[in-house]
C-alpha atoms as a PDB file:
ATOM      1  CA  MET A   1     -21.496 -23.540  47.189  1.00  0.00           C
ATOM      2  CA  PHE A   2     -18.533 -22.364  44.983  1.00  0.00           C
ATOM      3  CA  ALA A   3     -19.913 -24.379  42.115  1.00  0.00           C
ATOM      4  CA  THR A   4     -23.331 -22.544  42.326  1.00  0.00           C
ATOM      5  CA  TYR A   5     -21.543 -19.185  42.825  1.00  0.00           C
ATOM      6  CA  LEU A   6     -19.529 -19.848  39.483  1.00  0.00           C
ATOM      7  CA  ILE A   7     -22.716 -20.635  37.719  1.00  0.00           C
ATOM      8  CA  GLY A   8     -24.378 -17.325  38.784  1.00  0.00           C
ATOM      9  CA  LEU A   9     -21.281 -15.496  37.902  1.00  0.00           C
ATOM     10  CA  ARG A  10     -20.711 -16.897  34.607  1.00  0.00           C
ATOM     11  CA  GLU A  11     -24.474 -17.047  33.342  1.00  0.00           C
ATOM     12  CA  GLY A  12     -25.092 -13.706  35.011  1.00  0.00           C
ATOM     13  CA  LEU A  13     -22.102 -12.020  33.373  1.00  0.00           C
ATOM     14  CA  GLU A  14     -23.319 -13.299  29.944  1.00  0.00           C
ATOM     15  CA  ALA A  15     -26.728 -12.074  30.350  1.00  0.00           C
ATOM     16  CA  THR A  16     -25.380  -8.795  31.769  1.00  0.00           C
ATOM     17  CA  LEU A  17     -23.093  -8.160  28.717  1.00  0.00           C
ATOM     18  CA  VAL A  18     -26.103  -8.917  26.411  1.00  0.00           C
ATOM     19  CA  VAL A  19     -28.285  -6.348  28.074  1.00  0.00           C
ATOM     20  CA  SER A  20     -25.285  -3.690  28.151  1.00  0.00           C
ATOM     21  CA  ILE A  21     -24.863  -4.245  24.522  1.00  0.00           C
ATOM     22  CA  LEU A  22     -28.565  -3.571  23.810  1.00  0.00           C
ATOM     23  CA  VAL A  23     -28.664  -0.488  26.006  1.00  0.00           C
ATOM     24  CA  ALA A  24     -25.545   1.039  24.577  1.00  0.00           C
ATOM     25  CA  PHE A  25     -26.968   0.657  21.140  1.00  0.00           C
ATOM     26  CA  LEU A  26     -30.177   2.347  22.102  1.00  0.00           C
ATOM     27  CA  VAL A  27     -28.242   5.168  23.892  1.00  0.00           C
ATOM     28  CA  LYS A  28     -25.781   5.810  21.008  1.00  0.00           C
ATOM     29  CA  SER A  29     -28.792   5.699  18.500  1.00  0.00           C
ATOM     30  CA  GLN A  30     -30.600   8.374  20.228  1.00  0.00           C
ATOM     31  CA  ARG A  31     -33.383   5.837  20.956  1.00  0.00           C
ATOM     32  CA  ARG A  32     -33.675   6.039  24.843  1.00  0.00           C
ATOM     33  CA  ASP A  33     -37.427   6.008  24.572  1.00  0.00           C
ATOM     34  CA  ARG A  34     -37.248   2.297  23.979  1.00  0.00           C
ATOM     35  CA  LEU A  35     -35.241   1.607  26.987  1.00  0.00           C
ATOM     36  CA  PRO A  36     -38.284   0.760  29.063  1.00  0.00           C
ATOM     37  CA  GLN A  37     -39.215  -2.048  26.670  1.00  0.00           C
ATOM     38  CA  VAL A  38     -35.752  -3.562  26.938  1.00  0.00           C
ATOM     39  CA  TRP A  39     -36.059  -3.411  30.649  1.00  0.00           C
ATOM     40  CA  ALA A  40     -39.623  -4.997  30.531  1.00  0.00           C
ATOM     41  CA  GLY A  41     -38.221  -7.777  28.456  1.00  0.00           C
ATOM     42  CA  VAL A  42     -35.498  -8.488  30.767  1.00  0.00           C
ATOM     43  CA  ALA A  43     -37.766  -8.400  33.857  1.00  0.00           C
ATOM     44  CA  LEU A  44     -40.081 -10.776  32.282  1.00  0.00           C
ATOM     45  CA  ALA A  45     -37.266 -13.255  31.525  1.00  0.00           C
ATOM     46  CA  VAL A  46     -36.021 -13.120  35.012  1.00  0.00           C
ATOM     47  CA  VAL A  47     -39.472 -13.753  36.401  1.00  0.00           C
ATOM     48  CA  LEU A  48     -40.158 -16.786  33.987  1.00  0.00           C
ATOM     49  CA  SER A  49     -36.488 -18.160  34.883  1.00  0.00           C
ATOM     50  CA  VAL A  50     -37.448 -18.079  38.608  1.00  0.00           C
ATOM     51  CA  LEU A  51     -40.801 -19.664  38.086  1.00  0.00           C
ATOM     52  CA  PHE A  52     -39.008 -22.417  35.893  1.00  0.00           C
ATOM     53  CA  GLY A  53     -36.667 -23.169  38.742  1.00  0.00           C
ATOM     54  CA  TRP A  54     -39.520 -23.346  41.160  1.00  0.00           C
ATOM     55  CA  LEU A  55     -41.389 -25.689  38.863  1.00  0.00           C
ATOM     56  CA  ILE A  56     -38.566 -28.044  38.656  1.00  0.00           C
ATOM     57  CA  GLU A  57     -38.059 -28.182  42.438  1.00  0.00           C
ATOM     58  CA  TYR A  58     -41.862 -28.398  43.023  1.00  0.00           C
ATOM     59  CA  THR A  59     -42.090 -31.547  40.528  1.00  0.00           C
ATOM     60  CA  SER A  60     -39.253 -33.325  42.413  1.00  0.00           C
ATOM     61  CA  THR A  61     -40.489 -32.615  45.988  1.00  0.00           C
ATOM     62  CA  SER A  62     -44.380 -32.579  45.682  1.00  0.00           C
ATOM     63  CA  LEU A  63     -45.521 -34.067  42.327  1.00  0.00           C
ATOM     64  CA  LEU A  64     -43.353 -37.247  42.346  1.00  0.00           C
ATOM     65  CA  ALA A  65     -44.512 -39.458  45.275  1.00  0.00           C
ATOM     66  CA  ARG A  66     -42.191 -42.467  44.865  1.00  0.00           C
ATOM     67  CA  SER A  67     -38.350 -41.991  45.558  1.00  0.00           C
ATOM     68  CA  GLU A  68     -37.676 -44.069  42.332  1.00  0.00           C
ATOM     69  CA  ASP A  69     -39.526 -41.505  40.363  1.00  0.00           C
ATOM     70  CA  ARG A  70     -37.819 -38.533  41.942  1.00  0.00           C
ATOM     71  CA  GLU A  71     -34.323 -40.222  41.409  1.00  0.00           C
ATOM     72  CA  LEU A  72     -35.179 -40.826  37.885  1.00  0.00           C
ATOM     73  CA  PHE A  73     -36.320 -37.016  37.510  1.00  0.00           C
ATOM     74  CA  GLU A  74     -33.049 -35.768  39.040  1.00  0.00           C
ATOM     75  CA  ALA A  75     -30.950 -38.106  36.800  1.00  0.00           C
ATOM     76  CA  ILE A  76     -32.810 -36.687  33.704  1.00  0.00           C
ATOM     77  CA  THR A  77     -32.404 -33.094  34.878  1.00  0.00           C
ATOM     78  CA  SER A  78     -28.826 -33.610  35.630  1.00  0.00           C
ATOM     79  CA  VAL A  79     -28.044 -35.142  31.935  1.00  0.00           C
ATOM     80  CA  ALA A  80     -29.863 -32.001  30.609  1.00  0.00           C
ATOM     81  CA  ALA A  81     -27.926 -29.668  32.598  1.00  0.00           C
ATOM     82  CA  VAL A  82     -24.720 -31.332  31.377  1.00  0.00           C
ATOM     83  CA  VAL A  83     -25.835 -30.974  27.748  1.00  0.00           C
ATOM     84  CA  PHE A  84     -26.604 -27.134  28.261  1.00  0.00           C
ATOM     85  CA  VAL A  85     -23.294 -26.420  29.960  1.00  0.00           C
ATOM     86  CA  THR A  86     -21.423 -28.138  27.223  1.00  0.00           C
ATOM     87  CA  TRP A  87     -23.260 -26.207  24.632  1.00  0.00           C
ATOM     88  CA  MET A  88     -23.062 -23.103  26.417  1.00  0.00           C
ATOM     89  CA  ILE A  89     -19.239 -22.958  26.888  1.00  0.00           C
ATOM     90  CA  PHE A  90     -18.483 -24.137  23.335  1.00  0.00           C
ATOM     91  CA  TRP A  91     -21.099 -21.672  21.905  1.00  0.00           C
ATOM     92  CA  MET A  92     -19.645 -18.779  23.755  1.00  0.00           C
ATOM     93  CA  ARG A  93     -16.239 -19.627  22.670  1.00  0.00           C
ATOM     94  CA  LYS A  94     -17.268 -19.653  18.979  1.00  0.00           C
ATOM     95  CA  ALA A  95     -19.867 -16.845  19.052  1.00  0.00           C
ATOM     96  CA  ALA A  96     -18.273 -14.179  21.434  1.00  0.00           C
ATOM     97  CA  ARG A  97     -16.697 -12.143  18.450  1.00  0.00           C
ATOM     98  CA  THR A  98     -19.914 -11.728  16.650  1.00  0.00           C
ATOM     99  CA  ILE A  99     -22.506 -11.529  19.295  1.00  0.00           C
ATOM    100  CA  ALA A 100     -22.442  -7.785  19.693  1.00  0.00           C
ATOM    101  CA  GLY A 101     -22.979  -7.189  16.002  1.00  0.00           C
ATOM    102  CA  GLU A 102     -25.764  -9.732  15.824  1.00  0.00           C
ATOM    103  CA  LEU A 103     -27.525  -8.136  18.694  1.00  0.00           C
ATOM    104  CA  ARG A 104     -27.391  -4.801  17.198  1.00  0.00           C
ATOM    105  CA  GLY A 105     -28.834  -6.041  13.993  1.00  0.00           C
ATOM    106  CA  LYS A 106     -31.546  -7.750  15.573  1.00  0.00           C
ATOM    107  CA  LEU A 107     -32.434  -4.740  17.581  1.00  0.00           C
ATOM    108  CA  THR A 108     -32.371  -2.596  14.630  1.00  0.00           C
ATOM    109  CA  GLU A 109     -34.939  -4.842  12.985  1.00  0.00           C
ATOM    110  CA  ALA A 110     -37.001  -4.951  16.158  1.00  0.00           C
ATOM    111  CA  LEU A 111     -36.938  -1.033  16.208  1.00  0.00           C
ATOM    112  CA  ALA A 112     -38.576  -0.879  12.895  1.00  0.00           C
ATOM    113  CA  VAL A 113     -41.286  -3.240  14.128  1.00  0.00           C
ATOM    114  CA  GLY A 114     -42.324  -1.634  17.289  1.00  0.00           C
ATOM    115  CA  SER A 115     -42.316  -1.674  21.138  1.00  0.00           C
ATOM    116  CA  LEU A 116     -43.269  -5.197  21.513  1.00  0.00           C
ATOM    117  CA  ALA A 117     -40.717  -6.511  19.258  1.00  0.00           C
ATOM    118  CA  VAL A 118     -38.261  -4.560  21.162  1.00  0.00           C
ATOM    119  CA  ALA A 119     -39.239  -6.116  24.281  1.00  0.00           C
ATOM    120  CA  GLY A 120     -39.338  -9.589  22.898  1.00  0.00           C
ATOM    121  CA  MET A 121     -35.962  -9.422  21.475  1.00  0.00           C
ATOM    122  CA  ALA A 122     -34.578  -8.397  25.025  1.00  0.00           C
ATOM    123  CA  PHE A 123     -36.516 -11.072  26.498  1.00  0.00           C
ATOM    124  CA  LEU A 124     -35.275 -13.821  24.177  1.00  0.00           C
ATOM    125  CA  ALA A 125     -31.886 -12.598  24.688  1.00  0.00           C
ATOM    126  CA  VAL A 126     -32.027 -13.073  28.359  1.00  0.00           C
ATOM    127  CA  ILE A 127     -34.316 -15.993  28.746  1.00  0.00           C
ATOM    128  CA  ARG A 128     -31.873 -18.391  27.447  1.00  0.00           C
ATOM    129  CA  GLU A 129     -29.419 -17.732  30.131  1.00  0.00           C
ATOM    130  CA  GLY A 130     -32.050 -17.658  32.860  1.00  0.00           C
ATOM    131  CA  LEU A 131     -33.359 -21.131  32.001  1.00  0.00           C
ATOM    132  CA  GLU A 132     -30.026 -22.529  31.915  1.00  0.00           C
ATOM    133  CA  THR A 133     -29.139 -20.977  35.120  1.00  0.00           C
ATOM    134  CA  ALA A 134     -32.260 -22.418  36.879  1.00  0.00           C
ATOM    135  CA  LEU A 135     -31.630 -25.988  35.272  1.00  0.00           C
ATOM    136  CA  ILE A 136     -27.983 -26.182  36.071  1.00  0.00           C
ATOM    137  CA  PHE A 137     -28.295 -24.634  39.484  1.00  0.00           C
ATOM    138  CA  TYR A 138     -30.985 -27.424  40.327  1.00  0.00           C
ATOM    139  CA  SER A 139     -28.534 -30.133  39.345  1.00  0.00           C
ATOM    140  CA  ALA A 140     -25.570 -28.781  40.960  1.00  0.00           C
ATOM    141  CA  ALA A 141     -27.262 -28.285  44.259  1.00  0.00           C
ATOM    142  CA  GLN A 142     -28.634 -31.725  44.569  1.00  0.00           C
ATOM    143  CA  GLY A 143     -26.069 -32.584  47.126  1.00  0.00           C
ATOM    144  CA  ALA A 144     -27.201 -29.710  49.591  1.00  0.00           C
ATOM    145  CA  ALA A 145     -30.811 -30.806  50.285  1.00  0.00           C
ATOM    146  CA  GLY A 146     -32.396 -28.395  52.737  1.00  0.00           C
ATOM    147  CA  ASP A 147     -29.377 -26.038  52.794  1.00  0.00           C
ATOM    148  CA  SER A 148     -29.933 -22.551  51.686  1.00  0.00           C
ATOM    149  CA  GLY A 149     -26.098 -22.057  51.180  1.00  0.00           C
ATOM    150  CA  PRO A 150     -26.129 -23.020  47.291  1.00  0.00           C
ATOM    151  CA  LEU A 151     -29.067 -20.583  46.741  1.00  0.00           C
ATOM    152  CA  LEU A 152     -27.148 -17.648  48.529  1.00  0.00           C
ATOM    153  CA  ALA A 153     -24.104 -18.405  46.495  1.00  0.00           C
ATOM    154  CA  LEU A 154     -26.122 -18.352  43.267  1.00  0.00           C
ATOM    155  CA  VAL A 155     -27.461 -15.021  44.095  1.00  0.00           C
ATOM    156  CA  GLY A 156     -24.085 -13.771  45.017  1.00  0.00           C
ATOM    157  CA  GLY A 157     -22.721 -14.889  41.950  1.00  0.00           C
ATOM    158  CA  ILE A 158     -25.503 -13.203  39.956  1.00  0.00           C
ATOM    159  CA  VAL A 159     -24.902  -9.879  41.941  1.00  0.00           C
ATOM    160  CA  THR A 160     -21.237  -9.840  41.340  1.00  0.00           C
ATOM    161  CA  ALA A 161     -21.925 -10.390  37.592  1.00  0.00           C
ATOM    162  CA  ILE A 162     -24.263  -7.408  37.554  1.00  0.00           C
ATOM    163  CA  VAL A 163     -21.800  -5.249  39.532  1.00  0.00           C
ATOM    164  CA  LEU A 164     -18.951  -6.170  36.846  1.00  0.00           C
ATOM    165  CA  GLY A 165     -21.408  -5.565  34.017  1.00  0.00           C
ATOM    166  CA  VAL A 166     -22.307  -2.036  35.260  1.00  0.00           C
ATOM    167  CA  LEU A 167     -18.641  -1.265  35.610  1.00  0.00           C
ATOM    168  CA  LEU A 168     -17.885  -2.492  32.173  1.00  0.00           C
ATOM    169  CA  TYR A 169     -20.628  -0.547  30.727  1.00  0.00           C
ATOM    170  CA  ALA A 170     -19.506   2.542  32.393  1.00  0.00           C
ATOM    171  CA  SER A 171     -15.827   1.871  31.349  1.00  0.00           C
ATOM    172  CA  ALA A 172     -14.738   1.950  34.921  1.00  0.00           C
ATOM    173  CA  LEU A 173     -13.393  -1.494  34.764  1.00  0.00           C
ATOM    174  CA  ARG A 174     -11.609  -3.500  32.213  1.00  0.00           C
ATOM    175  CA  ILE A 175     -11.569  -7.355  32.355  1.00  0.00           C
ATOM    176  CA  ASN A 176      -9.829  -9.740  30.143  1.00  0.00           C
ATOM    177  CA  LEU A 177     -12.936 -11.458  29.152  1.00  0.00           C
ATOM    178  CA  SER A 178     -11.023 -13.960  27.123  1.00  0.00           C
ATOM    179  CA  LYS A 179      -9.212 -15.415  30.139  1.00  0.00           C
ATOM    180  CA  PHE A 180     -12.370 -15.056  32.269  1.00  0.00           C
ATOM    181  CA  PHE A 181     -14.459 -17.361  29.992  1.00  0.00           C
ATOM    182  CA  THR A 182     -11.711 -19.732  29.393  1.00  0.00           C
ATOM    183  CA  TRP A 183     -11.015 -20.220  33.274  1.00  0.00           C
ATOM    184  CA  THR A 184     -14.588 -20.290  34.203  1.00  0.00           C
ATOM    185  CA  GLY A 185     -15.358 -22.502  31.223  1.00  0.00           C
ATOM    186  CA  ALA A 186     -12.787 -25.022  32.264  1.00  0.00           C
ATOM    187  CA  LEU A 187     -14.141 -24.930  35.817  1.00  0.00           C
ATOM    188  CA  LEU A 188     -17.701 -25.397  34.421  1.00  0.00           C
ATOM    189  CA  VAL A 189     -16.494 -28.497  32.549  1.00  0.00           C
ATOM    190  CA  LEU A 190     -15.327 -29.987  36.006  1.00  0.00           C
ATOM    191  CA  VAL A 191     -18.772 -28.971  37.638  1.00  0.00           C
ATOM    192  CA  ALA A 192     -20.642 -30.551  34.756  1.00  0.00           C
ATOM    193  CA  ALA A 193     -18.548 -33.678  35.220  1.00  0.00           C
ATOM    194  CA  GLY A 194     -19.732 -33.883  38.863  1.00  0.00           C
ATOM    195  CA  ILE A 195     -23.282 -33.104  37.850  1.00  0.00           C
ATOM    196  CA  LEU A 196     -23.102 -36.124  35.235  1.00  0.00           C
ATOM    197  CA  LYS A 197     -21.566 -38.171  38.164  1.00  0.00           C
ATOM    198  CA  TYR A 198     -24.848 -37.211  40.240  1.00  0.00           C
ATOM    199  CA  GLY A 199     -27.039 -38.217  37.301  1.00  0.00           C
ATOM    200  CA  VAL A 200     -25.458 -41.791  36.955  1.00  0.00           C
ATOM    201  CA  HIS A 201     -25.844 -42.145  40.730  1.00  0.00           C
ATOM    202  CA  ASP A 202     -29.564 -41.277  40.500  1.00  0.00           C
ATOM    203  CA  PHE A 203     -30.040 -43.539  37.467  1.00  0.00           C
ATOM    204  CA  GLN A 204     -28.375 -46.335  39.662  1.00  0.00           C
ATOM    205  CA  GLU A 205     -30.574 -45.612  42.545  1.00  0.00           C
ATOM    206  CA  ALA A 206     -33.756 -45.701  40.469  1.00  0.00           C
ATOM    207  CA  GLY A 207     -32.802 -49.025  39.064  1.00  0.00           C
ATOM    208  CA  VAL A 208     -32.009 -47.917  35.513  1.00  0.00           C
ATOM    209  CA  LEU A 209     -28.322 -48.677  35.592  1.00  0.00           C
ATOM    210  CA  PRO A 210     -26.596 -51.619  37.528  1.00  0.00           C
ATOM    211  CA  GLY A 211     -23.743 -51.427  39.939  1.00  0.00           C
ATOM    212  CA  LEU A 212     -24.816 -49.253  42.761  1.00  0.00           C
ATOM    213  CA  GLY A 213     -22.825 -51.385  45.123  1.00  0.00           C
ATOM    214  CA  ASP A 214     -19.685 -51.921  42.849  1.00  0.00           C
ATOM    215  CA  LEU A 215     -17.255 -49.242  44.114  1.00  0.00           C
ATOM    216  CA  ALA A 216     -14.182 -48.274  41.809  1.00  0.00           C
ATOM    217  CA  PHE A 217     -12.240 -47.446  44.889  1.00  0.00           C
ATOM    218  CA  ASP A 218     -12.588 -46.277  48.514  1.00  0.00           C
ATOM    219  CA  ILE A 219     -10.221 -43.772  49.814  1.00  0.00           C
ATOM    220  CA  THR A 220     -12.069 -42.699  52.744  1.00  0.00           C
ATOM    221  CA  GLY A 221      -8.912 -43.387  54.836  1.00  0.00           C
ATOM    222  CA  VAL A 222      -7.141 -40.614  53.019  1.00  0.00           C
ATOM    223  CA  LEU A 223     -10.016 -38.336  52.008  1.00  0.00           C
ATOM    224  CA  ASP A 224     -12.127 -38.333  55.058  1.00  0.00           C
ATOM    225  CA  PRO A 225     -15.763 -37.193  54.133  1.00  0.00           C
ATOM    226  CA  THR A 226     -15.969 -35.166  57.314  1.00  0.00           C
ATOM    227  CA  THR A 227     -12.988 -32.848  56.542  1.00  0.00           C
ATOM    228  CA  TRP A 228     -13.551 -29.519  55.197  1.00  0.00           C
ATOM    229  CA  TYR A 229     -11.428 -30.213  52.038  1.00  0.00           C
ATOM    230  CA  ALA A 230     -13.445 -33.479  51.230  1.00  0.00           C
ATOM    231  CA  ALA A 231     -16.640 -31.412  51.391  1.00  0.00           C
ATOM    232  CA  LEU A 232     -15.111 -28.739  49.227  1.00  0.00           C
ATOM    233  CA  LEU A 233     -14.164 -31.196  46.635  1.00  0.00           C
ATOM    234  CA  ALA A 234     -17.615 -32.953  46.917  1.00  0.00           C
ATOM    235  CA  GLY A 235     -19.493 -29.684  46.650  1.00  0.00           C
ATOM    236  CA  MET A 236     -17.399 -28.285  43.894  1.00  0.00           C
ATOM    237  CA  PHE A 237     -16.951 -31.113  41.650  1.00  0.00           C
ATOM    238  CA  ASN A 238     -18.619 -34.075  43.190  1.00  0.00           C
ATOM    239  CA  VAL A 239     -15.431 -35.876  43.855  1.00  0.00           C
ATOM    240  CA  THR A 240     -16.083 -38.393  46.474  1.00  0.00           C
ATOM    241  CA  PRO A 241     -13.791 -40.878  48.347  1.00  0.00           C
ATOM    242  CA  ALA A 242     -16.039 -44.099  47.488  1.00  0.00           C
ATOM    243  CA  PRO A 243     -17.682 -43.620  43.962  1.00  0.00           C
ATOM    244  CA  THR A 244     -19.090 -46.406  41.967  1.00  0.00           C
ATOM    245  CA  VAL A 245     -17.596 -47.852  38.903  1.00  0.00           C
ATOM    246  CA  LEU A 246     -20.001 -46.263  36.443  1.00  0.00           C
ATOM    247  CA  GLU A 247     -19.766 -42.813  38.340  1.00  0.00           C
ATOM    248  CA  THR A 248     -15.968 -42.843  37.883  1.00  0.00           C
ATOM    249  CA  ILE A 249     -16.189 -43.773  34.245  1.00  0.00           C
ATOM    250  CA  ALA A 250     -18.878 -41.113  33.746  1.00  0.00           C
ATOM    251  CA  TRP A 251     -16.912 -38.327  35.439  1.00  0.00           C
ATOM    252  CA  ILE A 252     -13.522 -39.064  33.732  1.00  0.00           C
ATOM    253  CA  GLY A 253     -14.978 -39.930  30.413  1.00  0.00           C
ATOM    254  CA  TYR A 254     -16.657 -36.526  30.351  1.00  0.00           C
ATOM    255  CA  ALA A 255     -14.166 -34.265  32.020  1.00  0.00           C
ATOM    256  CA  VAL A 256     -10.899 -35.384  30.115  1.00  0.00           C
ATOM    257  CA  PRO A 257     -11.964 -35.259  26.385  1.00  0.00           C
ATOM    258  CA  VAL A 258     -14.352 -32.114  26.991  1.00  0.00           C
ATOM    259  CA  LEU A 259     -11.389 -30.282  28.529  1.00  0.00           C
ATOM    260  CA  VAL A 260      -9.118 -31.108  25.893  1.00  0.00           C
ATOM    261  CA  LEU A 261     -11.433 -29.934  23.163  1.00  0.00           C
ATOM    262  CA  PHE A 262     -12.348 -26.811  24.998  1.00  0.00           C
ATOM    263  CA  LEU A 263      -8.752 -25.841  25.846  1.00  0.00           C
ATOM    264  CA  ARG A 264      -7.255 -26.933  22.584  1.00  0.00           C
ATOM    265  CA  PRO A 265      -6.422 -23.743  20.388  1.00  0.00           C
ATOM    266  CA  THR A 266      -7.980 -23.386  16.988  1.00  0.00           C
ATOM    267  CA  ARG A 267      -5.937 -22.152  14.345  1.00  0.00           C
ATOM    268  CA  ARG A 268      -7.653 -19.353  12.247  1.00  0.00           C
ATOM    269  CA  THR A 269      -6.436 -18.234   8.779  1.00  0.00           C
ATOM    270  CA  ALA A 270      -7.296 -14.807   7.529  1.00  0.00           C
ATOM    271  CA  PRO A 271      -9.551 -15.118   4.710  1.00  0.00           C
ATOM    272  CA  GLY A 272      -7.419 -14.934   1.399  1.00  0.00           C
ATOM    273  CA  ALA A 273      -4.290 -15.013   3.200  1.00  0.00           C
ATOM    274  CA  THR A 274      -2.919 -18.048   1.299  1.00  0.00           C
ATOM    275  CA  THR A 275      -4.662 -17.134  -2.092  1.00  0.00           C
ATOM    276  CA  ALA A 276      -4.396 -13.215  -2.315  1.00  0.00           C
ATOM    277  CA  LYS A 277      -1.836 -11.899  -4.861  1.00  0.00           C
ATOM    278  CA  PRO A 278       0.447  -9.154  -4.134  1.00  0.00           C
ATOM    279  CA  SER A 279      -0.918  -5.835  -4.967  1.00  0.00           C
ATOM    280  CA  ALA A 280       0.313  -2.242  -5.052  1.00  0.00           C
ATOM    281  CA  PRO A 281      -0.136  -0.514  -1.707  1.00  0.00           C
ATOM    282  CA  ALA A 282      -2.982   1.910  -1.775  1.00  0.00           C
ATOM    283  CA  PRO A 283      -2.027   5.668  -1.444  1.00  0.00           C
ATOM    284  CA  ALA A 284      -1.890   7.005   1.907  1.00  0.00           C
ATOM    285  CA  ALA A 285      -4.467   9.866   1.085  1.00  0.00           C
ATOM    286  CA  ALA A 286      -6.900   7.185  -0.247  1.00  0.00           C
ATOM    287  CA  SER A 287      -6.964   5.192   2.950  1.00  0.00           C
ATOM    288  CA  ALA A 288      -7.170   7.911   5.507  1.00  0.00           C
ATOM    289  CA  PRO A 289     -10.888   8.602   5.404  1.00  0.00           C
ATOM    290  CA  PRO A 290     -11.858   5.039   6.068  1.00  0.00           C
ATOM    291  CA  THR A 291      -9.268   4.814   8.840  1.00  0.00           C
ATOM    292  CA  THR A 292     -10.778   7.935  10.492  1.00  0.00           C
ATOM    293  CA  THR A 293     -14.173   6.701  10.360  1.00  0.00           C
ATOM    294  CA  THR A 294     -13.281   3.355  11.875  1.00  0.00           C
ATOM    295  CA  VAL A 295     -11.396   4.995  14.694  1.00  0.00           C
ATOM    296  CA  THR A 296     -14.384   7.219  15.453  1.00  0.00           C
ATOM    297  CA  GLU A 297     -16.959   4.406  15.314  1.00  0.00           C
ATOM    298  CA  ARG A 298     -14.923   2.146  17.614  1.00  0.00           C
ATOM    299  CA  GLY A 299     -14.403   5.196  19.965  1.00  0.00           C
ATOM    300  CA  ALA A 300     -18.101   5.149  20.559  1.00  0.00           C
ATOM    301  CA  ASP A 301     -18.003   1.508  21.778  1.00  0.00           C
ATOM    302  CA  THR A 302     -18.578   0.982  25.437  1.00  0.00           C
ATOM    303  CA  GLY A 303     -16.428  -1.087  27.627  1.00  0.00           C
ATOM    304  CA  ALA A 304     -18.766  -4.155  27.756  1.00  0.00           C
ATOM    305  CA  GLU A 305     -19.165  -4.477  23.878  1.00  0.00           C
ATOM    306  CA  ALA A 306     -15.371  -4.239  23.278  1.00  0.00           C
ATOM    307  CA  GLU A 307     -14.953  -6.865  25.963  1.00  0.00           C
ATOM    308  CA  ALA A 308     -17.649  -9.043  24.721  1.00  0.00           C
ATOM    309  CA  GLU A 309     -16.265  -9.016  21.198  1.00  0.00           C
ATOM    310  CA  ALA A 310     -12.715  -9.964  22.487  1.00  0.00           C
ATOM    311  CA  ALA A 311     -14.037 -12.707  24.439  1.00  0.00           C
ATOM    312  CA  SER A 312     -13.199 -15.232  21.534  1.00  0.00           C
ATOM    313  CA  ALA A 313      -9.487 -15.097  21.932  1.00  0.00           C
ATOM    314  CA  PRO A 314      -9.177 -18.738  23.174  1.00  0.00           C
ATOM    315  CA  GLN A 315      -9.584 -19.668  19.559  1.00  0.00           C
ATOM    316  CA  ARG A 316      -6.624 -18.025  18.395  1.00  0.00           C
ATOM    317  CA  ALA A 317      -3.596 -19.994  17.811  1.00  0.00           C
END
């Protein structure tokens, strides 16, 4: 259940930050009359995301009659979920610094077009997170058939994210989102490795991949599947005591290189730092007005916007 809670928390907070940036921009721009369109777009995105999740579950349980077809469908959705998770964590790491400015620019253009454009912009900003959440949740919850625990954990993560987002917007709470996205990103890499292992197992059960009976190792004597800690490892990262060879290769082959790439610091050189020539310092009086303007503008930022723009700190050396 921790895995699905983490998915809800991470995806929910990303969506909440996006919405808070849009709302803050409208409030500061004296365009509160457009807030209903934003909420309409968000509501539509949430409804379609829920319908998408239901459609995936309905396809697996009702439309596919043969067990081999269901296993193949679950394997494909697992691989797709891994692709989405990997893209999501690296995209957020790269785009966090500029996402607030880009959203404000797009919303400015939407305001010039009309109400439908504003609602559509809010819808597109949220629907991506919603569809990702539905797909990743379905893949991560495969090992808990008939149990409502993963769904409750997902809802709990989303509710937690909404509460955090509201507090950030109100500047009542400050969170180091750089560390938050780094730690949750690293944990999601391990969750994705477990999802990929699910996918490989489903491919083997569907007869697409061989080696279903070839175990890499069997440590059931040490890691008893009936114990709570074994269930915790299996539920979080799909670490099991008797995996097949291909499952083990997939888990390690994904988790190790992706973690290394994700946690590796990226050096950034300031533009013109190595080529700029020394110049005479500007007079203090001349630089005063821009400094005052900048401080005033940044003082108007909400906590959510400032935190969102700071979330790219893992890229620093």
